[in-house]
Amino acid sequence: DLQIIFQDPFASLDPRFRVEDIVAEPLIIHRALRHW
């Protein structure tokens, strides 16, 4: 419920991940916690 948008758009994204993986990561991590 509590998220952050960081100042530096160049440093805040993992360069090894594709955009789909970056956006999906929190969904996958919290899937078990929130029983979606």
PDB file of all heavy atoms in Angstrom:
ATOM      1  N   ASP A   1       0.814  -1.217   0.000  1.00  0.00           N
ATOM      2  CA  ASP A   1       0.000   0.000   0.000  1.00  0.00           C
ATOM      3  C   ASP A   1       0.846   1.265   0.000  1.00  0.00           C
ATOM      4  O   ASP A   1       0.316   2.360  -0.179  1.00  0.00           O
ATOM      5  CB  ASP A   1      -0.904   0.030   1.242  1.00  0.00           C
ATOM      6  CG  ASP A   1      -2.100  -0.889   1.116  1.00  0.00           C
ATOM      7  OD1 ASP A   1      -2.652  -0.985   0.001  1.00  0.00           O
ATOM      8  OD2 ASP A   1      -2.482  -1.511   2.118  1.00  0.00           O
ATOM      9  N   LEU A   2       2.146   1.125   0.238  1.00  0.00           N
ATOM     10  CA  LEU A   2       3.038   2.266   0.419  1.00  0.00           C
ATOM     11  C   LEU A   2       4.187   2.139  -0.567  1.00  0.00           C
ATOM     12  O   LEU A   2       5.062   1.282  -0.411  1.00  0.00           O
ATOM     13  CB  LEU A   2       3.581   2.292   1.853  1.00  0.00           C
ATOM     14  CG  LEU A   2       2.557   2.158   2.983  1.00  0.00           C
ATOM     15  CD1 LEU A   2       3.247   1.884   4.310  1.00  0.00           C
ATOM     16  CD2 LEU A   2       1.705   3.419   3.081  1.00  0.00           C
ATOM     17  N   GLN A   3       4.198   2.960  -1.598  1.00  0.00           N
ATOM     18  CA  GLN A   3       5.192   2.838  -2.655  1.00  0.00           C
ATOM     19  C   GLN A   3       5.951   4.146  -2.848  1.00  0.00           C
ATOM     20  O   GLN A   3       5.592   5.185  -2.283  1.00  0.00           O
ATOM     21  CB  GLN A   3       4.515   2.423  -3.956  1.00  0.00           C
ATOM     22  CG  GLN A   3       3.950   1.011  -3.926  1.00  0.00           C
ATOM     23  CD  GLN A   3       5.028  -0.053  -3.844  1.00  0.00           C
ATOM     24  OE1 GLN A   3       5.963  -0.066  -4.640  1.00  0.00           O
ATOM     25  NE2 GLN A   3       4.912  -0.945  -2.880  1.00  0.00           N
ATOM     26  N   ILE A   4       7.008   4.092  -3.655  1.00  0.00           N
ATOM     27  CA  ILE A   4       7.846   5.266  -3.894  1.00  0.00           C
ATOM     28  C   ILE A   4       8.192   5.378  -5.372  1.00  0.00           C
ATOM     29  O   ILE A   4       8.386   4.359  -6.057  1.00  0.00           O
ATOM     30  CB  ILE A   4       9.139   5.204  -3.037  1.00  0.00           C
ATOM     31  CG1 ILE A   4       9.942   6.506  -3.169  1.00  0.00           C
ATOM     32  CG2 ILE A   4       9.972   3.980  -3.374  1.00  0.00           C
ATOM     33  CD1 ILE A   4      11.063   6.637  -2.155  1.00  0.00           C
ATOM     34  N   ILE A   5       8.234   6.607  -5.861  1.00  0.00           N
ATOM     35  CA  ILE A   5       8.782   6.917  -7.187  1.00  0.00           C
ATOM     36  C   ILE A   5      10.083   7.672  -6.926  1.00  0.00           C
ATOM     37  O   ILE A   5      10.078   8.730  -6.289  1.00  0.00           O
ATOM     38  CB  ILE A   5       7.816   7.777  -8.009  1.00  0.00           C
ATOM     39  CG1 ILE A   5       6.491   7.024  -8.228  1.00  0.00           C
ATOM     40  CG2 ILE A   5       8.433   8.157  -9.350  1.00  0.00           C
ATOM     41  CD1 ILE A   5       5.372   7.905  -8.736  1.00  0.00           C
ATOM     42  N   PHE A   6      11.176   7.141  -7.424  1.00  0.00           N
ATOM     43  CA  PHE A   6      12.491   7.680  -7.092  1.00  0.00           C
ATOM     44  C   PHE A   6      12.862   8.870  -7.966  1.00  0.00           C
ATOM     45  O   PHE A   6      12.308   9.079  -9.050  1.00  0.00           O
ATOM     46  CB  PHE A   6      13.550   6.591  -7.225  1.00  0.00           C
ATOM     47  CG  PHE A   6      13.440   5.504  -6.190  1.00  0.00           C
ATOM     48  CD1 PHE A   6      12.853   4.293  -6.504  1.00  0.00           C
ATOM     49  CD2 PHE A   6      13.917   5.699  -4.905  1.00  0.00           C
ATOM     50  CE1 PHE A   6      12.743   3.287  -5.565  1.00  0.00           C
ATOM     51  CE2 PHE A   6      13.813   4.693  -3.951  1.00  0.00           C
ATOM     52  CZ  PHE A   6      13.224   3.486  -4.288  1.00  0.00           C
ATOM     53  N   GLN A   7      13.833   9.616  -7.491  1.00  0.00           N
ATOM     54  CA  GLN A   7      14.294  10.828  -8.172  1.00  0.00           C
ATOM     55  C   GLN A   7      14.984  10.531  -9.491  1.00  0.00           C
ATOM     56  O   GLN A   7      14.743  11.203 -10.490  1.00  0.00           O
ATOM     57  CB  GLN A   7      15.249  11.591  -7.247  1.00  0.00           C
ATOM     58  CG  GLN A   7      15.891  12.813  -7.888  1.00  0.00           C
ATOM     59  CD  GLN A   7      16.822  13.527  -6.916  1.00  0.00           C
ATOM     60  OE1 GLN A   7      16.937  13.150  -5.760  1.00  0.00           O
ATOM     61  NE2 GLN A   7      17.478  14.565  -7.388  1.00  0.00           N
ATOM     62  N   ASP A   8      15.862   9.537  -9.490  1.00  0.00           N
ATOM     63  CA  ASP A   8      16.744   9.304 -10.640  1.00  0.00           C
ATOM     64  C   ASP A   8      16.213   8.163 -11.497  1.00  0.00           C
ATOM     65  O   ASP A   8      16.344   6.995 -11.118  1.00  0.00           O
ATOM     66  CB  ASP A   8      18.155   8.993 -10.151  1.00  0.00           C
ATOM     67  CG  ASP A   8      19.165   8.919 -11.286  1.00  0.00           C
ATOM     68  OD1 ASP A   8      18.747   8.907 -12.462  1.00  0.00           O
ATOM     69  OD2 ASP A   8      20.375   8.874 -11.007  1.00  0.00           O
ATOM     70  N   PRO A   9      15.621   8.448 -12.651  1.00  0.00           N
ATOM     71  CA  PRO A   9      15.082   7.375 -13.483  1.00  0.00           C
ATOM     72  C   PRO A   9      16.166   6.519 -14.124  1.00  0.00           C
ATOM     73  O   PRO A   9      15.873   5.448 -14.657  1.00  0.00           O
ATOM     74  CB  PRO A   9      14.275   8.122 -14.542  1.00  0.00           C
ATOM     75  CG  PRO A   9      14.936   9.452 -14.654  1.00  0.00           C
ATOM     76  CD  PRO A   9      15.421   9.776 -13.259  1.00  0.00           C
ATOM     77  N   PHE A  10      17.405   6.980 -14.082  1.00  0.00           N
ATOM     78  CA  PHE A  10      18.500   6.208 -14.671  1.00  0.00           C
ATOM     79  C   PHE A  10      19.048   5.183 -13.691  1.00  0.00           C
ATOM     80  O   PHE A  10      19.487   4.113 -14.084  1.00  0.00           O
ATOM     81  CB  PHE A  10      19.611   7.149 -15.141  1.00  0.00           C
ATOM     82  CG  PHE A  10      19.177   8.082 -16.229  1.00  0.00           C
ATOM     83  CD1 PHE A  10      18.687   9.339 -15.939  1.00  0.00           C
ATOM     84  CD2 PHE A  10      19.220   7.687 -17.559  1.00  0.00           C
ATOM     85  CE1 PHE A  10      18.261  10.203 -16.941  1.00  0.00           C
ATOM     86  CE2 PHE A  10      18.792   8.533 -18.566  1.00  0.00           C
ATOM     87  CZ  PHE A  10      18.312   9.788 -18.259  1.00  0.00           C
ATOM     88  N   ALA A  11      19.042   5.485 -12.398  1.00  0.00           N
ATOM     89  CA  ALA A  11      19.606   4.591 -11.386  1.00  0.00           C
ATOM     90  C   ALA A  11      18.573   3.668 -10.758  1.00  0.00           C
ATOM     91  O   ALA A  11      18.930   2.672 -10.137  1.00  0.00           O
ATOM     92  CB  ALA A  11      20.292   5.411 -10.291  1.00  0.00           C
ATOM     93  N   SER A  12      17.278   3.986 -10.899  1.00  0.00           N
ATOM     94  CA  SER A  12      16.255   3.240 -10.167  1.00  0.00           C
ATOM     95  C   SER A  12      15.764   1.990 -10.886  1.00  0.00           C
ATOM     96  O   SER A  12      14.984   1.226 -10.319  1.00  0.00           O
ATOM     97  CB  SER A  12      15.062   4.153  -9.868  1.00  0.00           C
ATOM     98  OG  SER A  12      14.460   4.612 -11.063  1.00  0.00           O
ATOM     99  N   LEU A  13      16.190   1.769 -12.133  1.00  0.00           N
ATOM    100  CA  LEU A  13      15.769   0.595 -12.894  1.00  0.00           C
ATOM    101  C   LEU A  13      16.954  -0.319 -13.124  1.00  0.00           C
ATOM    102  O   LEU A  13      18.022   0.124 -13.554  1.00  0.00           O
ATOM    103  CB  LEU A  13      15.174   1.012 -14.242  1.00  0.00           C
ATOM    104  CG  LEU A  13      14.001   2.003 -14.202  1.00  0.00           C
ATOM    105  CD1 LEU A  13      13.556   2.335 -15.620  1.00  0.00           C
ATOM    106  CD2 LEU A  13      12.844   1.457 -13.396  1.00  0.00           C
ATOM    107  N   ASP A  14      16.773  -1.604 -12.853  1.00  0.00           N
ATOM    108  CA  ASP A  14      17.845  -2.588 -13.039  1.00  0.00           C
ATOM    109  C   ASP A  14      18.135  -2.735 -14.536  1.00  0.00           C
ATOM    110  O   ASP A  14      17.254  -3.145 -15.305  1.00  0.00           O
ATOM    111  CB  ASP A  14      17.428  -3.930 -12.452  1.00  0.00           C
ATOM    112  CG  ASP A  14      18.588  -4.908 -12.341  1.00  0.00           C
ATOM    113  OD1 ASP A  14      19.460  -4.914 -13.239  1.00  0.00           O
ATOM    114  OD2 ASP A  14      18.629  -5.669 -11.368  1.00  0.00           O
ATOM    115  N   PRO A  15      19.360  -2.408 -14.976  1.00  0.00           N
ATOM    116  CA  PRO A  15      19.659  -2.454 -16.422  1.00  0.00           C
ATOM    117  C   PRO A  15      19.656  -3.852 -17.001  1.00  0.00           C
ATOM    118  O   PRO A  15      19.604  -4.017 -18.214  1.00  0.00           O
ATOM    119  CB  PRO A  15      21.055  -1.828 -16.500  1.00  0.00           C
ATOM    120  CG  PRO A  15      21.664  -2.070 -15.157  1.00  0.00           C
ATOM    121  CD  PRO A  15      20.527  -1.979 -14.183  1.00  0.00           C
ATOM    122  N   ARG A  16      19.683  -4.870 -16.141  1.00  0.00           N
ATOM    123  CA  ARG A  16      19.717  -6.260 -16.634  1.00  0.00           C
ATOM    124  C   ARG A  16      18.331  -6.788 -16.952  1.00  0.00           C
ATOM    125  O   ARG A  16      18.207  -7.838 -17.587  1.00  0.00           O
ATOM    126  CB  ARG A  16      20.376  -7.161 -15.579  1.00  0.00           C
ATOM    127  CG  ARG A  16      21.795  -6.770 -15.208  1.00  0.00           C
ATOM    128  CD  ARG A  16      22.248  -7.521 -13.979  1.00  0.00           C
ATOM    129  NE  ARG A  16      21.393  -7.191 -12.830  1.00  0.00           N
ATOM    130  CZ  ARG A  16      21.488  -7.769 -11.631  1.00  0.00           C
ATOM    131  NH1 ARG A  16      22.390  -8.724 -11.444  1.00  0.00           N
ATOM    132  NH2 ARG A  16      20.693  -7.411 -10.642  1.00  0.00           N
ATOM    133  N   PHE A  17      17.299  -6.099 -16.484  1.00  0.00           N
ATOM    134  CA  PHE A  17      15.931  -6.579 -16.647  1.00  0.00           C
ATOM    135  C   PHE A  17      15.239  -5.885 -17.817  1.00  0.00           C
ATOM    136  O   PHE A  17      15.439  -4.700 -18.049  1.00  0.00           O
ATOM    137  CB  PHE A  17      15.108  -6.293 -15.385  1.00  0.00           C
ATOM    138  CG  PHE A  17      15.386  -7.209 -14.227  1.00  0.00           C
ATOM    139  CD1 PHE A  17      16.463  -8.078 -14.232  1.00  0.00           C
ATOM    140  CD2 PHE A  17      14.556  -7.188 -13.123  1.00  0.00           C
ATOM    141  CE1 PHE A  17      16.717  -8.914 -13.161  1.00  0.00           C
ATOM    142  CE2 PHE A  17      14.787  -8.022 -12.039  1.00  0.00           C
ATOM    143  CZ  PHE A  17      15.869  -8.891 -12.064  1.00  0.00           C
ATOM    144  N   ARG A  18      14.411  -6.631 -18.520  1.00  0.00           N
ATOM    145  CA  ARG A  18      13.518  -6.022 -19.495  1.00  0.00           C
ATOM    146  C   ARG A  18      12.400  -5.290 -18.750  1.00  0.00           C
ATOM    147  O   ARG A  18      12.127  -5.561 -17.581  1.00  0.00           O
ATOM    148  CB  ARG A  18      12.929  -7.085 -20.407  1.00  0.00           C
ATOM    149  CG  ARG A  18      13.930  -7.832 -21.281  1.00  0.00           C
ATOM    150  CD  ARG A  18      13.225  -8.936 -22.042  1.00  0.00           C
ATOM    151  NE  ARG A  18      12.487  -9.809 -21.123  1.00  0.00           N
ATOM    152  CZ  ARG A  18      11.397 -10.490 -21.448  1.00  0.00           C
ATOM    153  NH1 ARG A  18      10.895 -10.396 -22.670  1.00  0.00           N
ATOM    154  NH2 ARG A  18      10.789 -11.263 -20.564  1.00  0.00           N
ATOM    155  N   VAL A  19      11.743  -4.392 -19.449  1.00  0.00           N
ATOM    156  CA  VAL A  19      10.682  -3.606 -18.827  1.00  0.00           C
ATOM    157  C   VAL A  19       9.598  -4.511 -18.253  1.00  0.00           C
ATOM    158  O   VAL A  19       9.095  -4.281 -17.142  1.00  0.00           O
ATOM    159  CB  VAL A  19      10.091  -2.610 -19.848  1.00  0.00           C
ATOM    160  CG1 VAL A  19       8.784  -2.012 -19.338  1.00  0.00           C
ATOM    161  CG2 VAL A  19      11.097  -1.512 -20.153  1.00  0.00           C
ATOM    162  N   GLU A  20       9.226  -5.550 -18.981  1.00  0.00           N
ATOM    163  CA  GLU A  20       8.191  -6.452 -18.471  1.00  0.00           C
ATOM    164  C   GLU A  20       8.595  -7.046 -17.131  1.00  0.00           C
ATOM    165  O   GLU A  20       7.784  -7.147 -16.206  1.00  0.00           O
ATOM    166  CB  GLU A  20       7.901  -7.566 -19.466  1.00  0.00           C
ATOM    167  CG  GLU A  20       6.826  -8.514 -18.974  1.00  0.00           C
ATOM    168  CD  GLU A  20       6.183  -9.318 -20.084  1.00  0.00           C
ATOM    169  OE1 GLU A  20       6.813  -9.495 -21.148  1.00  0.00           O
ATOM    170  OE2 GLU A  20       5.035  -9.755 -19.896  1.00  0.00           O
ATOM    171  N   ASP A  21       9.855  -7.436 -16.990  1.00  0.00           N
ATOM    172  CA  ASP A  21      10.335  -8.025 -15.740  1.00  0.00           C
ATOM    173  C   ASP A  21      10.352  -6.991 -14.614  1.00  0.00           C
ATOM    174  O   ASP A  21      10.036  -7.304 -13.462  1.00  0.00           O
ATOM    175  CB  ASP A  21      11.739  -8.608 -15.932  1.00  0.00           C
ATOM    176  CG  ASP A  21      11.775  -9.672 -17.008  1.00  0.00           C
ATOM    177  OD1 ASP A  21      10.802 -10.440 -17.106  1.00  0.00           O
ATOM    178  OD2 ASP A  21      12.762  -9.725 -17.764  1.00  0.00           O
ATOM    179  N   ILE A  22      10.731  -5.747 -14.943  1.00  0.00           N
ATOM    180  CA  ILE A  22      10.790  -4.684 -13.939  1.00  0.00           C
ATOM    181  C   ILE A  22       9.406  -4.414 -13.357  1.00  0.00           C
ATOM    182  O   ILE A  22       9.232  -4.313 -12.137  1.00  0.00           O
ATOM    183  CB  ILE A  22      11.375  -3.397 -14.558  1.00  0.00           C
ATOM    184  CG1 ILE A  22      12.867  -3.585 -14.842  1.00  0.00           C
ATOM    185  CG2 ILE A  22      11.150  -2.194 -13.648  1.00  0.00           C
ATOM    186  CD1 ILE A  22      13.469  -2.490 -15.699  1.00  0.00           C
ATOM    187  N   VAL A  23       8.412  -4.294 -14.227  1.00  0.00           N
ATOM    188  CA  VAL A  23       7.059  -3.974 -13.775  1.00  0.00           C
ATOM    189  C   VAL A  23       6.400  -5.182 -13.110  1.00  0.00           C
ATOM    190  O   VAL A  23       5.634  -5.039 -12.150  1.00  0.00           O
ATOM    191  CB  VAL A  23       6.207  -3.454 -14.951  1.00  0.00           C
ATOM    192  CG1 VAL A  23       4.778  -3.155 -14.510  1.00  0.00           C
ATOM    193  CG2 VAL A  23       6.847  -2.200 -15.554  1.00  0.00           C
ATOM    194  N   ALA A  24       6.720  -6.376 -13.584  1.00  0.00           N
ATOM    195  CA  ALA A  24       6.094  -7.593 -13.050  1.00  0.00           C
ATOM    196  C   ALA A  24       6.691  -8.034 -11.720  1.00  0.00           C
ATOM    197  O   ALA A  24       6.015  -8.737 -10.949  1.00  0.00           O
ATOM    198  CB  ALA A  24       6.223  -8.732 -14.065  1.00  0.00           C
ATOM    199  N   GLU A  25       7.917  -7.632 -11.431  1.00  0.00           N
ATOM    200  CA  GLU A  25       8.606  -8.146 -10.238  1.00  0.00           C
ATOM    201  C   GLU A  25       7.801  -7.982  -8.951  1.00  0.00           C
ATOM    202  O   GLU A  25       7.642  -8.948  -8.188  1.00  0.00           O
ATOM    203  CB  GLU A  25       9.980  -7.487 -10.101  1.00  0.00           C
ATOM    204  CG  GLU A  25      10.786  -8.047  -8.946  1.00  0.00           C
ATOM    205  CD  GLU A  25      12.165  -7.406  -8.841  1.00  0.00           C
ATOM    206  OE1 GLU A  25      12.309  -6.247  -9.256  1.00  0.00           O
ATOM    207  OE2 GLU A  25      13.086  -8.063  -8.328  1.00  0.00           O
ATOM    208  N   PRO A  26       7.271  -6.791  -8.636  1.00  0.00           N
ATOM    209  CA  PRO A  26       6.492  -6.688  -7.395  1.00  0.00           C
ATOM    210  C   PRO A  26       5.238  -7.550  -7.395  1.00  0.00           C
ATOM    211  O   PRO A  26       4.822  -8.058  -6.344  1.00  0.00           O
ATOM    212  CB  PRO A  26       6.145  -5.193  -7.311  1.00  0.00           C
ATOM    213  CG  PRO A  26       6.375  -4.637  -8.667  1.00  0.00           C
ATOM    214  CD  PRO A  26       7.432  -5.467  -9.295  1.00  0.00           C
ATOM    215  N   LEU A  27       4.620  -7.746  -8.557  1.00  0.00           N
ATOM    216  CA  LEU A  27       3.448  -8.609  -8.644  1.00  0.00           C
ATOM    217  C   LEU A  27       3.798 -10.042  -8.276  1.00  0.00           C
ATOM    218  O   LEU A  27       3.062 -10.715  -7.537  1.00  0.00           O
ATOM    219  CB  LEU A  27       2.865  -8.565 -10.061  1.00  0.00           C
ATOM    220  CG  LEU A  27       2.256  -7.239 -10.514  1.00  0.00           C
ATOM    221  CD1 LEU A  27       2.017  -7.267 -12.017  1.00  0.00           C
ATOM    222  CD2 LEU A  27       0.971  -6.950  -9.759  1.00  0.00           C
ATOM    223  N   ILE A  28       4.911 -10.506  -8.769  1.00  0.00           N
ATOM    224  CA  ILE A  28       5.334 -11.884  -8.516  1.00  0.00           C
ATOM    225  C   ILE A  28       5.716 -12.066  -7.049  1.00  0.00           C
ATOM    226  O   ILE A  28       5.350 -13.062  -6.404  1.00  0.00           O
ATOM    227  CB  ILE A  28       6.493 -12.252  -9.459  1.00  0.00           C
ATOM    228  CG1 ILE A  28       5.991 -12.272 -10.908  1.00  0.00           C
ATOM    229  CG2 ILE A  28       7.097 -13.594  -9.072  1.00  0.00           C
ATOM    230  CD1 ILE A  28       7.084 -12.324 -11.950  1.00  0.00           C
ATOM    231  N   ILE A  29       6.431 -11.092  -6.491  1.00  0.00           N
ATOM    232  CA  ILE A  29       6.868 -11.184  -5.094  1.00  0.00           C
ATOM    233  C   ILE A  29       5.668 -11.214  -4.148  1.00  0.00           C
ATOM    234  O   ILE A  29       5.615 -11.986  -3.179  1.00  0.00           O
ATOM    235  CB  ILE A  29       7.802 -10.010  -4.746  1.00  0.00           C
ATOM    236  CG1 ILE A  29       9.139 -10.181  -5.479  1.00  0.00           C
ATOM    237  CG2 ILE A  29       8.025  -9.909  -3.231  1.00  0.00           C
ATOM    238  CD1 ILE A  29      10.057  -8.977  -5.359  1.00  0.00           C
ATOM    239  N   HIS A  30       4.668 -10.374  -4.423  1.00  0.00           N
ATOM    240  CA  HIS A  30       3.536 -10.239  -3.510  1.00  0.00           C
ATOM    241  C   HIS A  30       2.378 -11.172  -3.837  1.00  0.00           C
ATOM    242  O   HIS A  30       1.387 -11.204  -3.098  1.00  0.00           O
ATOM    243  CB  HIS A  30       3.033  -8.793  -3.520  1.00  0.00           C
ATOM    244  CG  HIS A  30       3.888  -7.870  -2.712  1.00  0.00           C
ATOM    245  ND1 HIS A  30       3.583  -7.498  -1.429  1.00  0.00           N
ATOM    246  CD2 HIS A  30       5.067  -7.262  -3.005  1.00  0.00           C
ATOM    247  CE1 HIS A  30       4.523  -6.688  -0.963  1.00  0.00           C
ATOM    248  NE2 HIS A  30       5.424  -6.520  -1.911  1.00  0.00           N
ATOM    249  N   ARG A  31       2.510 -11.964  -4.903  1.00  0.00           N
ATOM    250  CA  ARG A  31       1.411 -12.843  -5.296  1.00  0.00           C
ATOM    251  C   ARG A  31       1.030 -13.800  -4.167  1.00  0.00           C
ATOM    252  O   ARG A  31      -0.148 -13.957  -3.831  1.00  0.00           O
ATOM    253  CB  ARG A  31       1.813 -13.627  -6.542  1.00  0.00           C
ATOM    254  CG  ARG A  31       0.751 -14.611  -7.026  1.00  0.00           C
ATOM    255  CD  ARG A  31       1.072 -15.091  -8.429  1.00  0.00           C
ATOM    256  NE  ARG A  31       2.444 -15.564  -8.533  1.00  0.00           N
ATOM    257  CZ  ARG A  31       3.062 -15.776  -9.702  1.00  0.00           C
ATOM    258  NH1 ARG A  31       2.424 -15.531 -10.842  1.00  0.00           N
ATOM    259  NH2 ARG A  31       4.296 -16.216  -9.746  1.00  0.00           N
ATOM    260  N   ALA A  32       2.039 -14.420  -3.543  1.00  0.00           N
ATOM    261  CA  ALA A  32       1.760 -15.360  -2.460  1.00  0.00           C
ATOM    262  C   ALA A  32       1.256 -14.639  -1.210  1.00  0.00           C
ATOM    263  O   ALA A  32       0.369 -15.132  -0.505  1.00  0.00           O
ATOM    264  CB  ALA A  32       3.023 -16.152  -2.122  1.00  0.00           C
ATOM    265  N   LEU A  33       1.796 -13.445  -0.938  1.00  0.00           N
ATOM    266  CA  LEU A  33       1.395 -12.706   0.256  1.00  0.00           C
ATOM    267  C   LEU A  33      -0.063 -12.283   0.200  1.00  0.00           C
ATOM    268  O   LEU A  33      -0.778 -12.315   1.197  1.00  0.00           O
ATOM    269  CB  LEU A  33       2.272 -11.459   0.419  1.00  0.00           C
ATOM    270  CG  LEU A  33       3.699 -11.668   0.923  1.00  0.00           C
ATOM    271  CD1 LEU A  33       4.474 -10.359   0.831  1.00  0.00           C
ATOM    272  CD2 LEU A  33       3.688 -12.164   2.370  1.00  0.00           C
ATOM    273  N   ARG A  34      -0.517 -11.868  -0.988  1.00  0.00           N
ATOM    274  CA  ARG A  34      -1.858 -11.288  -1.102  1.00  0.00           C
ATOM    275  C   ARG A  34      -2.878 -12.267  -1.677  1.00  0.00           C
ATOM    276  O   ARG A  34      -4.045 -11.926  -1.814  1.00  0.00           O
ATOM    277  CB  ARG A  34      -1.795 -10.023  -1.966  1.00  0.00           C
ATOM    278  CG  ARG A  34      -0.911  -8.961  -1.334  1.00  0.00           C
ATOM    279  CD  ARG A  34      -0.867  -7.679  -2.106  1.00  0.00           C
ATOM    280  NE  ARG A  34      -2.159  -7.008  -2.114  1.00  0.00           N
ATOM    281  CZ  ARG A  34      -2.304  -5.715  -2.416  1.00  0.00           C
ATOM    282  NH1 ARG A  34      -1.249  -4.980  -2.716  1.00  0.00           N
ATOM    283  NH2 ARG A  34      -3.488  -5.163  -2.428  1.00  0.00           N
ATOM    284  N   HIS A  35      -2.427 -13.489  -2.019  1.00  0.00           N
ATOM    285  CA  HIS A  35      -3.334 -14.534  -2.501  1.00  0.00           C
ATOM    286  C   HIS A  35      -4.188 -14.043  -3.664  1.00  0.00           C
ATOM    287  O   HIS A  35      -5.419 -14.020  -3.609  1.00  0.00           O
ATOM    288  CB  HIS A  35      -4.216 -15.041  -1.352  1.00  0.00           C
ATOM    289  CG  HIS A  35      -3.444 -15.514  -0.168  1.00  0.00           C
ATOM    290  ND1 HIS A  35      -2.644 -16.638  -0.191  1.00  0.00           N
ATOM    291  CD2 HIS A  35      -3.331 -14.995   1.086  1.00  0.00           C
ATOM    292  CE1 HIS A  35      -2.080 -16.806   0.993  1.00  0.00           C
ATOM    293  NE2 HIS A  35      -2.465 -15.825   1.782  1.00  0.00           N
ATOM    294  N   TRP A  36      -3.515 -13.610  -4.706  1.00  0.00           N
ATOM    295  CA  TRP A  36      -4.203 -13.135  -5.901  1.00  0.00           C
ATOM    296  C   TRP A  36      -4.383 -14.298  -6.875  1.00  0.00           C
ATOM    297  O   TRP A  36      -3.455 -14.651  -7.614  1.00  0.00           O
ATOM    298  CB  TRP A  36      -3.376 -12.051  -6.586  1.00  0.00           C
ATOM    299  CG  TRP A  36      -3.456 -10.705  -5.952  1.00  0.00           C
ATOM    300  CD1 TRP A  36      -4.414 -10.249  -5.112  1.00  0.00           C
ATOM    301  CD2 TRP A  36      -2.528  -9.628  -6.123  1.00  0.00           C
ATOM    302  NE1 TRP A  36      -4.154  -8.962  -4.749  1.00  0.00           N
ATOM    303  CE2 TRP A  36      -3.001  -8.556  -5.350  1.00  0.00           C
ATOM    304  CE3 TRP A  36      -1.354  -9.473  -6.856  1.00  0.00           C
ATOM    305  CZ2 TRP A  36      -2.348  -7.334  -5.285  1.00  0.00           C
ATOM    306  CZ3 TRP A  36      -0.691  -8.270  -6.804  1.00  0.00           C
ATOM    307  CH2 TRP A  36      -1.185  -7.215  -6.026  1.00  0.00           C
TER     308      TRP A  36
END
